[in-house]
Amino acid sequence: MARKSIEQRLAELEAQRTALKARLGKQERANDTRRKVLLGALVLHRLETGHDAFSRNLVGWLRRELPGFLTRSNDKALFDDLLKQKTVDATENSNGAEASS
């Protein structure tokens, strides 16, 4: 059995290194995506079920921050229900203020 040359062995090791780096990158992206999904699920859960001060503050914060954070119209459409609620709340507040005046 012929021994591989040093150059061949180095080439094989470099190929293995490249493959391992690619796998590591893929795993890191998968972990990042999973973290985002889980964090989003927690936020959505609080929006749907929370009626405490934290949840109300969270809603306000999202309504302030999301419009500037989302740049694509398709992404904005995903949050229409949350973002459009702001105008309903503002209308109710202004009507309420007028009624109490």
C-alpha atoms as a PDB file:
ATOM      1  CA  MET A   1       0.000   0.000   0.000  1.00  0.00           C
ATOM      2  CA  ALA A   2       1.518   3.275  -1.078  1.00  0.00           C
ATOM      3  CA  ARG A   3       1.839   6.006   1.474  1.00  0.00           C
ATOM      4  CA  LYS A   4       0.218   9.311   0.694  1.00  0.00           C
ATOM      5  CA  SER A   5       2.477  12.234   0.172  1.00  0.00           C
ATOM      6  CA  ILE A   6       2.551  15.035   2.671  1.00  0.00           C
ATOM      7  CA  GLU A   7       0.885  17.300   0.130  1.00  0.00           C
ATOM      8  CA  GLN A   8      -1.975  14.829  -0.357  1.00  0.00           C
ATOM      9  CA  ARG A   9      -2.458  14.477   3.372  1.00  0.00           C
ATOM     10  CA  LEU A  10      -2.438  18.268   3.817  1.00  0.00           C
ATOM     11  CA  ALA A  11      -4.995  18.632   1.033  1.00  0.00           C
ATOM     12  CA  GLU A  12      -7.251  16.045   2.656  1.00  0.00           C
ATOM     13  CA  LEU A  13      -6.928  17.725   6.040  1.00  0.00           C
ATOM     14  CA  GLU A  14      -7.737  21.105   4.504  1.00  0.00           C
ATOM     15  CA  ALA A  15     -10.826  19.613   2.833  1.00  0.00           C
ATOM     16  CA  GLN A  16     -11.919  18.154   6.168  1.00  0.00           C
ATOM     17  CA  ARG A  17     -11.312  21.501   7.859  1.00  0.00           C
ATOM     18  CA  THR A  18     -13.407  23.305   5.248  1.00  0.00           C
ATOM     19  CA  ALA A  19     -16.227  20.780   5.603  1.00  0.00           C
ATOM     20  CA  LEU A  20     -16.185  21.058   9.393  1.00  0.00           C
ATOM     21  CA  LYS A  21     -16.233  24.866   9.252  1.00  0.00           C
ATOM     22  CA  ALA A  22     -19.240  24.711   6.926  1.00  0.00           C
ATOM     23  CA  ARG A  23     -21.041  22.343   9.305  1.00  0.00           C
ATOM     24  CA  LEU A  24     -20.237  24.616  12.230  1.00  0.00           C
ATOM     25  CA  GLY A  25     -21.585  27.652  10.376  1.00  0.00           C
ATOM     26  CA  LYS A  26     -24.762  25.776   9.481  1.00  0.00           C
ATOM     27  CA  GLN A  27     -25.250  24.714  13.107  1.00  0.00           C
ATOM     28  CA  GLU A  28     -24.687  28.280  14.345  1.00  0.00           C
ATOM     29  CA  ARG A  29     -27.281  29.620  11.877  1.00  0.00           C
ATOM     30  CA  ALA A  30     -29.742  26.924  12.946  1.00  0.00           C
ATOM     31  CA  ASN A  31     -29.203  27.807  16.617  1.00  0.00           C
ATOM     32  CA  ASP A  32     -29.677  31.506  15.866  1.00  0.00           C
ATOM     33  CA  THR A  33     -32.915  30.811  14.018  1.00  0.00           C
ATOM     34  CA  ARG A  34     -34.183  28.580  16.829  1.00  0.00           C
ATOM     35  CA  ARG A  35     -33.443  31.283  19.431  1.00  0.00           C
ATOM     36  CA  LYS A  36     -35.357  33.850  17.373  1.00  0.00           C
ATOM     37  CA  VAL A  37     -38.332  31.537  16.932  1.00  0.00           C
ATOM     38  CA  LEU A  38     -38.488  30.717  20.641  1.00  0.00           C
ATOM     39  CA  LEU A  39     -38.121  34.343  21.686  1.00  0.00           C
ATOM     40  CA  GLY A  40     -40.802  35.348  19.190  1.00  0.00           C
ATOM     41  CA  ALA A  41     -43.080  32.618  20.503  1.00  0.00           C
ATOM     42  CA  LEU A  42     -42.641  33.928  24.045  1.00  0.00           C
ATOM     43  CA  VAL A  43     -43.419  37.497  22.970  1.00  0.00           C
ATOM     44  CA  LEU A  44     -46.499  36.400  21.022  1.00  0.00           C
ATOM     45  CA  HIS A  45     -47.655  34.315  23.983  1.00  0.00           C
ATOM     46  CA  ARG A  46     -47.377  37.346  26.278  1.00  0.00           C
ATOM     47  CA  LEU A  47     -49.243  39.507  23.760  1.00  0.00           C
ATOM     48  CA  GLU A  48     -52.072  36.970  23.539  1.00  0.00           C
ATOM     49  CA  THR A  49     -52.411  35.997  27.192  1.00  0.00           C
ATOM     50  CA  GLY A  50     -50.827  38.705  29.311  1.00  0.00           C
ATOM     51  CA  HIS A  51     -52.998  41.395  30.800  1.00  0.00           C
ATOM     52  CA  ASP A  52     -50.483  42.794  33.259  1.00  0.00           C
ATOM     53  CA  ALA A  53     -48.444  46.006  33.124  1.00  0.00           C
ATOM     54  CA  PHE A  54     -45.495  44.232  31.501  1.00  0.00           C
ATOM     55  CA  SER A  55     -47.635  42.985  28.615  1.00  0.00           C
ATOM     56  CA  ARG A  56     -49.161  46.432  28.079  1.00  0.00           C
ATOM     57  CA  ASN A  57     -45.694  47.982  28.070  1.00  0.00           C
ATOM     58  CA  LEU A  58     -44.542  45.294  25.645  1.00  0.00           C
ATOM     59  CA  VAL A  59     -47.386  46.131  23.263  1.00  0.00           C
ATOM     60  CA  GLY A  60     -46.506  49.826  23.405  1.00  0.00           C
ATOM     61  CA  TRP A  61     -42.832  49.147  22.849  1.00  0.00           C
ATOM     62  CA  LEU A  62     -43.522  46.906  19.845  1.00  0.00           C
ATOM     63  CA  ARG A  63     -45.833  49.487  18.318  1.00  0.00           C
ATOM     64  CA  ARG A  64     -43.104  52.112  18.629  1.00  0.00           C
ATOM     65  CA  GLU A  65     -40.207  49.946  17.475  1.00  0.00           C
ATOM     66  CA  LEU A  66     -41.607  47.607  14.817  1.00  0.00           C
ATOM     67  CA  PRO A  67     -42.436  50.215  12.158  1.00  0.00           C
ATOM     68  CA  GLY A  68     -38.824  51.406  12.097  1.00  0.00           C
ATOM     69  CA  PHE A  69     -37.370  47.902  12.330  1.00  0.00           C
ATOM     70  CA  LEU A  70     -39.430  46.304   9.559  1.00  0.00           C
ATOM     71  CA  THR A  71     -38.382  47.435   6.107  1.00  0.00           C
ATOM     72  CA  ARG A  72     -40.166  45.019   3.762  1.00  0.00           C
ATOM     73  CA  SER A  73     -43.870  45.429   3.103  1.00  0.00           C
ATOM     74  CA  ASN A  74     -44.368  41.653   3.385  1.00  0.00           C
ATOM     75  CA  ASP A  75     -42.865  41.747   6.877  1.00  0.00           C
ATOM     76  CA  LYS A  76     -44.994  44.725   7.879  1.00  0.00           C
ATOM     77  CA  ALA A  77     -48.101  42.881   6.676  1.00  0.00           C
ATOM     78  CA  LEU A  78     -47.350  40.084   9.159  1.00  0.00           C
ATOM     79  CA  PHE A  79     -47.801  42.563  12.012  1.00  0.00           C
ATOM     80  CA  ASP A  80     -50.757  44.531  10.635  1.00  0.00           C
ATOM     81  CA  ASP A  81     -53.026  43.331  13.421  1.00  0.00           C
ATOM     82  CA  LEU A  82     -50.682  44.666  16.083  1.00  0.00           C
ATOM     83  CA  LEU A  83     -49.682  47.859  14.301  1.00  0.00           C
ATOM     84  CA  LYS A  84     -53.182  48.820  13.151  1.00  0.00           C
ATOM     85  CA  GLN A  85     -54.502  48.351  16.668  1.00  0.00           C
ATOM     86  CA  LYS A  86     -52.541  51.479  17.572  1.00  0.00           C
ATOM     87  CA  THR A  87     -54.758  53.661  15.405  1.00  0.00           C
ATOM     88  CA  VAL A  88     -57.869  52.095  16.929  1.00  0.00           C
ATOM     89  CA  ASP A  89     -56.494  52.742  20.436  1.00  0.00           C
ATOM     90  CA  ALA A  90     -55.606  56.319  19.512  1.00  0.00           C
ATOM     91  CA  THR A  91     -59.106  56.870  18.103  1.00  0.00           C
ATOM     92  CA  GLU A  92     -60.714  55.435  21.228  1.00  0.00           C
ATOM     93  CA  ASN A  93     -58.464  57.567  23.450  1.00  0.00           C
ATOM     94  CA  SER A  94     -59.228  60.728  21.518  1.00  0.00           C
ATOM     95  CA  ASN A  95     -62.969  59.954  21.566  1.00  0.00           C
ATOM     96  CA  GLY A  96     -62.778  59.185  25.243  1.00  0.00           C
ATOM     97  CA  ALA A  97     -60.933  62.416  25.914  1.00  0.00           C
ATOM     98  CA  GLU A  98     -63.534  64.345  23.945  1.00  0.00           C
ATOM     99  CA  ALA A  99     -66.373  62.621  25.742  1.00  0.00           C
ATOM    100  CA  SER A 100     -64.942  63.440  29.150  1.00  0.00           C
ATOM    101  CA  SER A 101     -64.311  67.079  28.233  1.00  0.00           C
END
